[in-house]
Amino acid sequence: VQLVESGGGLVQPGGSLRLSCAASGFTFSTYAMKWFRQAPGKERELVATVSSRGASTNYADSVKGRFTISRDNSKNTVYLQMNSLKPEDTAVYYCNVFTQLANYWGQGTQVTVSS
């Protein structure tokens, strides 16, 4: 299993970024996918979840109305559209899948929100 995140970077408060996670090594369309984040000195937290076919999504209260998770099963890719970014969104963002065998993580992509 391989999860490769991309799309992070430095953005000003109020700006937007779209993260991508390219998945391989498992049957992508049969598993829910998640985005987590971890800020310096804090525990890793669940940001958003999308069901296997994309019909159902869930969000942390802190990002509701600003972030949107989606997936393209034809491309084995999950996305996180982040709008109205705040300095407190600064973190390393990780893609995650939990299969019958193990819990898998990507290497993470840094998002920094600062003026």
Protein backbone atom coordinates (compact mmCIF):
# COMPACT_ATOMS: atom_id res chain seq x y z
CA VAL A 1 0.00 0.00 0.00
CA GLN A 2 1.24 3.45 -0.91
CA LEU A 3 -0.33 6.81 -0.17
CA VAL A 4 1.33 9.91 -1.63
CA GLU A 5 0.10 13.35 -0.61
CA SER A 6 0.73 16.54 -2.53
CA GLY A 7 -0.55 20.10 -2.75
CA GLY A 8 0.64 21.59 0.51
CA GLY A 9 2.42 24.89 0.81
CA LEU A 10 2.40 28.38 2.27
CA VAL A 11 -0.83 30.37 1.97
CA GLN A 12 -2.14 33.59 3.48
CA PRO A 13 -5.07 33.58 5.89
CA GLY A 14 -8.30 33.40 3.94
CA GLY A 15 -6.65 31.57 1.08
CA SER A 16 -7.27 28.13 -0.39
CA LEU A 17 -5.34 24.97 -1.11
CA ARG A 18 -6.29 21.60 -2.55
CA LEU A 19 -4.51 18.54 -1.25
CA SER A 20 -4.36 15.30 -3.22
CA CYS A 21 -3.56 11.76 -2.13
CA ALA A 22 -2.71 9.19 -4.78
CA ALA A 23 -3.30 5.65 -3.57
CA SER A 24 -2.02 2.31 -4.82
CA GLY A 25 -1.59 -1.26 -3.69
CA PHE A 26 -5.14 -1.93 -2.60
CA THR A 27 -8.67 -1.84 -4.02
CA PHE A 28 -9.19 1.89 -3.53
CA SER A 29 -12.90 1.95 -4.34
CA THR A 30 -13.81 -0.40 -1.51
CA TYR A 31 -12.42 1.62 1.41
CA ALA A 32 -13.30 4.81 3.18
CA MET A 33 -10.50 7.35 3.10
CA LYS A 34 -9.51 9.91 5.71
CA TRP A 35 -7.46 13.05 6.11
CA PHE A 36 -5.72 13.73 9.42
CA ARG A 37 -3.51 16.58 10.50
CA GLN A 38 -0.90 17.13 13.17
CA ALA A 39 0.25 20.52 14.36
CA PRO A 40 3.53 21.00 16.25
CA GLY A 41 3.20 19.83 19.84
CA LYS A 42 -0.31 18.48 19.29
CA GLU A 43 -1.82 15.07 18.73
CA ARG A 44 -2.83 13.91 15.29
CA GLU A 45 -6.51 14.70 14.68
CA LEU A 46 -9.09 13.45 12.21
CA VAL A 47 -10.10 16.18 9.78
CA ALA A 48 -12.43 14.50 7.29
CA THR A 49 -13.71 11.13 6.09
CA VAL A 50 -15.24 10.07 2.79
CA SER A 51 -17.04 6.77 2.24
CA SER A 52 -15.88 4.24 -0.34
CA ARG A 53 -18.07 5.60 -3.13
CA GLY A 54 -18.01 9.19 -1.99
CA ALA A 55 -21.66 9.35 -1.01
CA SER A 56 -21.02 10.16 2.63
CA THR A 57 -18.62 12.61 4.25
CA ASN A 58 -17.85 13.71 7.79
CA TYR A 59 -15.81 16.61 9.13
CA ALA A 60 -14.25 17.83 12.33
CA ASP A 61 -16.19 20.74 13.78
CA SER A 62 -13.17 22.99 13.33
CA VAL A 63 -13.26 22.64 9.51
CA LYS A 64 -16.98 22.26 8.76
CA GLY A 65 -18.12 24.65 6.07
CA ARG A 66 -14.54 25.40 5.00
CA PHE A 67 -13.07 22.04 3.92
CA THR A 68 -14.46 19.54 1.43
CA ILE A 69 -13.27 15.96 1.04
CA SER A 70 -13.90 14.13 -2.22
CA ARG A 71 -12.56 11.20 -4.20
CA ASP A 72 -12.17 10.02 -7.77
CA ASN A 73 -12.21 6.23 -7.80
CA SER A 74 -11.22 6.18 -11.47
CA LYS A 75 -7.95 7.89 -10.49
CA ASN A 76 -7.46 6.23 -7.07
CA THR A 77 -7.18 9.69 -5.58
CA VAL A 78 -8.74 11.47 -2.62
CA TYR A 79 -8.80 15.25 -2.30
CA LEU A 80 -9.15 17.83 0.43
CA GLN A 81 -10.27 21.27 -0.73
CA MET A 82 -9.44 23.79 1.97
CA ASN A 83 -10.98 27.27 1.81
CA SER A 84 -10.95 30.23 4.20
CA LEU A 85 -7.75 28.94 5.74
CA LYS A 86 -6.77 30.11 9.20
CA PRO A 87 -3.40 30.14 10.97
CA GLU A 88 -4.68 27.36 13.23
CA ASP A 89 -4.99 25.12 10.17
CA THR A 90 -1.20 25.03 10.00
CA ALA A 91 -0.15 21.38 10.27
CA VAL A 92 1.19 18.38 8.43
CA TYR A 93 -1.73 16.75 6.64
CA TYR A 94 -1.83 12.98 6.24
CA CYS A 95 -3.90 10.68 4.07
CA ASN A 96 -5.08 7.47 5.75
CA VAL A 97 -6.76 4.17 4.96
CA PHE A 98 -7.68 1.42 7.39
CA THR A 99 -7.88 -2.01 5.76
CA GLN A 100 -8.34 -5.48 7.20
CA LEU A 101 -4.57 -5.84 7.31
CA ALA A 102 -3.33 -2.57 8.73
CA ASN A 103 -3.70 1.15 9.15
CA TYR A 104 -1.74 2.96 6.42
CA TRP A 105 -0.43 6.52 6.29
CA GLY A 106 1.14 8.74 3.68
CA GLN A 107 4.31 10.73 4.33
CA GLY A 108 2.33 13.93 4.90
CA THR A 109 2.29 17.35 3.27
CA GLN A 110 2.97 20.59 5.13
CA VAL A 111 0.34 23.31 5.12
CA THR A 112 1.37 26.66 6.56
CA VAL A 113 -1.13 29.51 6.89
CA SER A 114 0.63 32.76 7.60
CA SER A 115 0.79 36.35 6.45
